[in-house]
């Protein structure tokens, strides 16, 4: 069995175990493969193994990958920090932009969608760890950012995203995940919606699943350490 196939099986087993441990349905969480620094050939191989949800961090990688894999039925998300001058290269190539964290980006996305006569799903990225090294809006700024996104017809809030705290302390990491879940729950309760929670990566996906994640973004556990 190919290493990729073994790695994917292992990750799916981890996901299934995590879901079972907290009595969540087997289909409650989708696996997103983080494609940063992975070749088109590798991505084509994992697509052949049944994986079709990809998340890319870098615009300069997104463009050639989406072009080369256009013959496949892949759902692409952009999951990295997005500069406003790169918006034109992302809109139209992805189904969702998970890293919307500031007003200037909302304005740029809306303008590009109008220009291209298209719509895009977005997630509000929230810095729930309060670590300076991480992007995302402050939790206190979420409501204002939601209001701004909702004022633009071309943008639709599909959910919320965060990156777990850089810590081996389960309680610390889960506190951040729980904060995002509470933000999402308030949003859904006010609107009667069921939006996504994108949280959890290779090292902390079990804790994210326990806190209600619906999308985990996994790279290293499938592809190995980046070089």
Protein backbone atom coordinates (compact mmCIF):
# COMPACT_ATOMS: atom_id res chain seq x y z
CA UNK A 1 0.00 0.00 0.00
CA UNK A 2 1.30 3.44 -0.91
CA UNK A 3 2.51 5.70 1.93
CA UNK A 4 -0.14 8.30 1.07
CA UNK A 5 -2.84 5.68 1.32
CA UNK A 6 -1.50 4.51 4.68
CA UNK A 7 -1.30 8.07 5.98
CA UNK A 8 -4.82 8.90 4.82
CA UNK A 9 -6.17 5.74 6.43
CA UNK A 10 -4.46 6.66 9.69
CA UNK A 11 -5.91 10.18 9.68
CA UNK A 12 -9.41 8.92 8.93
CA UNK A 13 -9.06 6.41 11.76
CA UNK A 14 -8.05 9.24 14.10
CA UNK A 15 -11.07 11.26 12.95
CA UNK A 16 -13.46 8.36 13.40
CA UNK A 17 -12.10 7.62 16.88
CA UNK A 18 -12.36 11.27 17.89
CA UNK A 19 -15.95 11.49 16.66
CA UNK A 20 -16.92 8.25 18.38
CA UNK A 21 -15.36 9.41 21.66
CA UNK A 22 -17.75 12.37 21.82
CA UNK A 23 -20.74 10.57 20.25
CA UNK A 24 -20.77 12.61 17.05
CA UNK A 25 -21.87 11.10 13.72
CA UNK A 26 -19.20 9.63 11.47
CA UNK A 27 -19.88 12.25 8.78
CA UNK A 28 -19.85 15.26 11.13
CA UNK A 29 -16.35 16.40 10.15
CA UNK A 30 -14.80 16.80 6.71
CA UNK A 31 -11.10 16.26 6.11
CA UNK A 32 -9.44 19.12 4.25
CA UNK A 33 -5.98 18.45 2.89
CA UNK A 34 -3.61 21.40 3.37
CA UNK A 35 -1.81 21.50 0.03
CA UNK A 36 1.00 23.95 0.84
CA UNK A 37 4.27 22.86 -0.82
CA UNK A 38 2.70 19.71 -2.28
CA UNK A 39 3.20 18.92 -5.95
CA UNK A 40 0.43 18.65 -8.49
CA UNK A 41 1.33 14.96 -8.90
CA UNK A 42 0.90 14.31 -5.18
CA UNK A 43 -2.43 16.12 -5.12
CA UNK A 44 -3.64 14.19 -8.14
CA UNK A 45 -2.70 10.99 -6.32
CA UNK A 46 -4.68 11.83 -3.18
CA UNK A 47 -7.63 12.88 -5.30
CA UNK A 48 -7.42 9.42 -6.85
CA UNK A 49 -7.73 8.02 -3.32
CA UNK A 50 -11.03 9.83 -2.86
CA UNK A 51 -9.98 13.15 -1.28
CA UNK A 52 -11.57 16.19 -2.94
CA UNK A 53 -11.45 18.97 -0.32
CA UNK A 54 -8.21 20.96 -0.63
CA UNK A 55 -7.02 24.07 1.21
CA UNK A 56 -4.15 26.21 -0.07
CA UNK A 57 -2.19 28.80 1.93
CA UNK A 58 -0.30 30.57 -0.83
CA UNK A 59 -1.70 32.45 -3.81
CA UNK A 60 1.43 31.72 -5.85
CA UNK A 61 0.76 27.99 -5.38
CA UNK A 62 -3.02 28.18 -5.72
CA UNK A 63 -2.99 29.53 -9.27
CA UNK A 64 -0.90 26.81 -10.94
CA UNK A 65 -2.46 24.01 -8.88
CA UNK A 66 -6.06 24.94 -9.64
CA UNK A 67 -5.15 25.28 -13.31
CA UNK A 68 -3.33 21.94 -13.51
CA UNK A 69 -6.06 20.08 -11.62
CA UNK A 70 -9.03 21.75 -13.32
CA UNK A 71 -10.10 18.41 -14.80
CA UNK A 72 -10.80 17.03 -11.32
CA UNK A 73 -13.83 17.68 -9.13
CA UNK A 74 -12.01 19.41 -6.29
CA UNK A 75 -13.48 21.84 -3.76
CA UNK A 76 -10.78 24.45 -3.22
CA UNK A 77 -10.58 26.72 -0.18
CA UNK A 78 -8.04 29.43 0.47
CA UNK A 79 -6.81 29.10 4.06
CA UNK A 80 -3.80 31.41 4.29
CA UNK A 81 -3.42 35.11 5.01
CA UNK A 82 -4.71 36.96 1.96
CA UNK A 83 -3.29 40.31 0.89
CA UNK A 84 -5.79 42.62 -0.77
CA UNK A 85 -3.65 42.94 -3.91
CA UNK A 86 -3.86 39.16 -4.41
CA UNK A 87 -7.67 38.97 -4.19
CA UNK A 88 -7.99 39.07 -7.98
CA UNK A 89 -6.03 35.81 -8.24
CA UNK A 90 -8.20 33.98 -5.70
CA UNK A 91 -11.78 35.00 -6.49
CA UNK A 92 -13.12 32.62 -9.12
CA UNK A 93 -10.65 29.86 -8.26
CA UNK A 94 -11.98 28.79 -4.85
CA UNK A 95 -15.33 27.91 -3.34
CA UNK A 96 -14.48 29.49 0.01
CA UNK A 97 -11.98 31.92 1.53
CA UNK A 98 -11.48 30.91 5.17
CA UNK A 99 -9.16 33.73 6.21
CA UNK A 100 -11.35 36.86 6.17
CA UNK A 101 -10.13 38.88 9.14
CA UNK A 102 -10.34 42.60 8.38
CA UNK A 103 -12.49 45.28 6.74
CA UNK A 104 -10.09 46.06 3.89
CA UNK A 105 -10.18 42.43 2.75
CA UNK A 106 -13.99 42.38 2.82
CA UNK A 107 -14.09 45.47 0.61
CA UNK A 108 -11.54 44.04 -1.82
CA UNK A 109 -13.37 40.72 -2.08
CA UNK A 110 -16.70 42.40 -2.71
CA UNK A 111 -15.25 44.66 -5.40
CA UNK A 112 -13.60 41.72 -7.18
CA UNK A 113 -16.79 39.66 -7.04
CA UNK A 114 -18.73 42.53 -8.59
CA UNK A 115 -16.05 42.91 -11.26
CA UNK A 116 -16.20 39.21 -12.12
CA UNK A 117 -19.98 38.92 -11.61
CA UNK A 118 -19.59 36.09 -9.14
CA UNK A 119 -20.17 35.29 -5.46
CA UNK A 120 -17.89 33.67 -2.88
CA UNK A 121 -18.32 31.96 0.46
CA UNK A 122 -16.14 33.25 3.27
CA UNK A 123 -15.25 32.28 6.80
CA UNK A 124 -14.41 34.79 9.50
CA UNK A 125 -10.95 34.00 10.87
CA UNK A 126 -10.72 34.69 14.60
CA UNK A 127 -7.54 34.76 16.69
CA UNK A 128 -8.84 32.81 19.68
CA UNK A 129 -5.35 32.11 21.08
CA UNK A 130 -4.44 35.82 21.25
CA UNK A 131 -0.97 34.92 19.95
CA UNK A 132 0.70 37.77 18.09
CA UNK A 133 2.13 35.36 15.51
CA UNK A 134 -1.33 34.40 14.29
CA UNK A 135 -3.69 36.22 11.95
CA UNK A 136 -7.41 36.60 12.59
CA UNK A 137 -9.60 39.30 14.02
CA UNK A 138 -9.91 39.81 17.77
CA UNK A 139 -12.99 38.07 19.21
CA UNK A 140 -14.35 41.47 20.27
CA UNK A 141 -14.27 42.59 16.62
CA UNK A 142 -16.18 39.63 15.20
CA UNK A 143 -19.67 41.16 15.33
CA UNK A 144 -18.61 44.28 13.46
CA UNK A 145 -16.87 42.17 10.80
CA UNK A 146 -19.94 39.95 10.43
CA UNK A 147 -22.11 43.02 9.92
CA UNK A 148 -19.73 44.29 7.28
CA UNK A 149 -19.64 41.02 5.35
CA UNK A 150 -23.42 40.76 5.48
CA UNK A 151 -23.73 44.23 4.00
CA UNK A 152 -22.14 42.95 0.77
CA UNK A 153 -24.49 40.89 -1.39
CA UNK A 154 -21.71 39.01 -3.16
CA UNK A 155 -20.26 37.52 0.04
CA UNK A 156 -21.82 34.77 2.16
CA UNK A 157 -20.60 33.74 5.59
CA UNK A 158 -20.15 29.97 5.50
CA UNK A 159 -18.59 29.69 8.94
CA UNK A 160 -15.66 30.54 11.19
CA UNK A 161 -12.00 29.53 11.30
CA UNK A 162 -9.21 29.56 13.85
CA UNK A 163 -5.75 28.12 14.43
CA UNK A 164 -5.20 26.38 17.75
CA UNK A 165 -2.88 27.77 20.38
CA UNK A 166 0.76 26.74 20.13
CA UNK A 167 0.62 24.60 23.25
CA UNK A 168 0.66 20.97 24.34
CA UNK A 169 -1.82 21.81 27.10
CA UNK A 170 -5.16 20.37 26.02
CA UNK A 171 -7.15 22.78 28.19
CA UNK A 172 -5.42 25.80 26.63
CA UNK A 173 -5.98 24.64 23.05
CA UNK A 174 -9.56 23.56 23.66
CA UNK A 175 -10.38 26.90 25.30
CA UNK A 176 -9.67 28.64 21.99
CA UNK A 177 -11.71 26.11 20.03
CA UNK A 178 -14.61 26.44 22.46
CA UNK A 179 -14.50 30.22 22.06
CA UNK A 180 -14.92 29.90 18.30
CA UNK A 181 -17.77 27.42 18.74
CA UNK A 182 -19.57 29.88 21.00
CA UNK A 183 -19.13 32.64 18.40
CA UNK A 184 -20.53 30.32 15.72
CA UNK A 185 -23.42 29.23 17.91
CA UNK A 186 -24.48 32.82 18.59
CA UNK A 187 -24.29 33.58 14.86
CA UNK A 188 -26.41 30.56 13.94
CA UNK A 189 -28.95 31.10 16.71
CA UNK A 190 -29.60 34.64 15.50
CA UNK A 191 -30.04 33.56 11.87
CA UNK A 192 -31.39 30.02 11.98
CA UNK A 193 -28.36 28.75 10.05
CA UNK A 194 -25.90 25.88 10.44
CA UNK A 195 -22.46 27.21 9.63
CA UNK A 196 -19.07 25.54 9.60
CA UNK A 197 -16.30 25.46 12.18
CA UNK A 198 -12.89 25.09 10.55
CA UNK A 199 -10.48 24.25 13.34
CA UNK A 200 -8.01 21.52 14.12
CA UNK A 201 -4.82 20.46 12.32
CA UNK A 202 -2.55 17.43 12.34
CA UNK A 203 -1.45 17.80 15.96
CA UNK A 204 -4.72 18.87 17.61
CA UNK A 205 -7.57 17.54 15.48
CA UNK A 206 -8.94 15.33 18.29
CA UNK A 207 -9.36 18.34 20.57
CA UNK A 208 -11.01 20.30 17.77
CA UNK A 209 -13.45 17.47 17.05
CA UNK A 210 -14.34 17.33 20.74
CA UNK A 211 -15.16 21.05 20.61
CA UNK A 212 -17.40 20.76 17.55
CA UNK A 213 -15.17 21.28 14.50
CA UNK A 214 -16.79 20.45 11.16
CA UNK A 215 -13.63 20.84 9.03
CA UNK A 216 -10.08 19.84 10.04
CA UNK A 217 -7.15 21.08 7.95
CA UNK A 218 -4.49 18.39 7.77
CA UNK A 219 -1.17 18.50 5.95
CA UNK A 220 1.74 16.98 7.87
CA UNK A 221 -0.13 13.88 9.07
CA UNK A 222 -0.88 12.95 5.45
CA UNK A 223 2.06 14.30 3.46
CA UNK A 224 4.81 14.18 6.07
CA UNK A 225 6.90 17.07 7.41
CA UNK A 226 7.46 19.90 4.95
CA UNK A 227 11.03 20.41 3.76
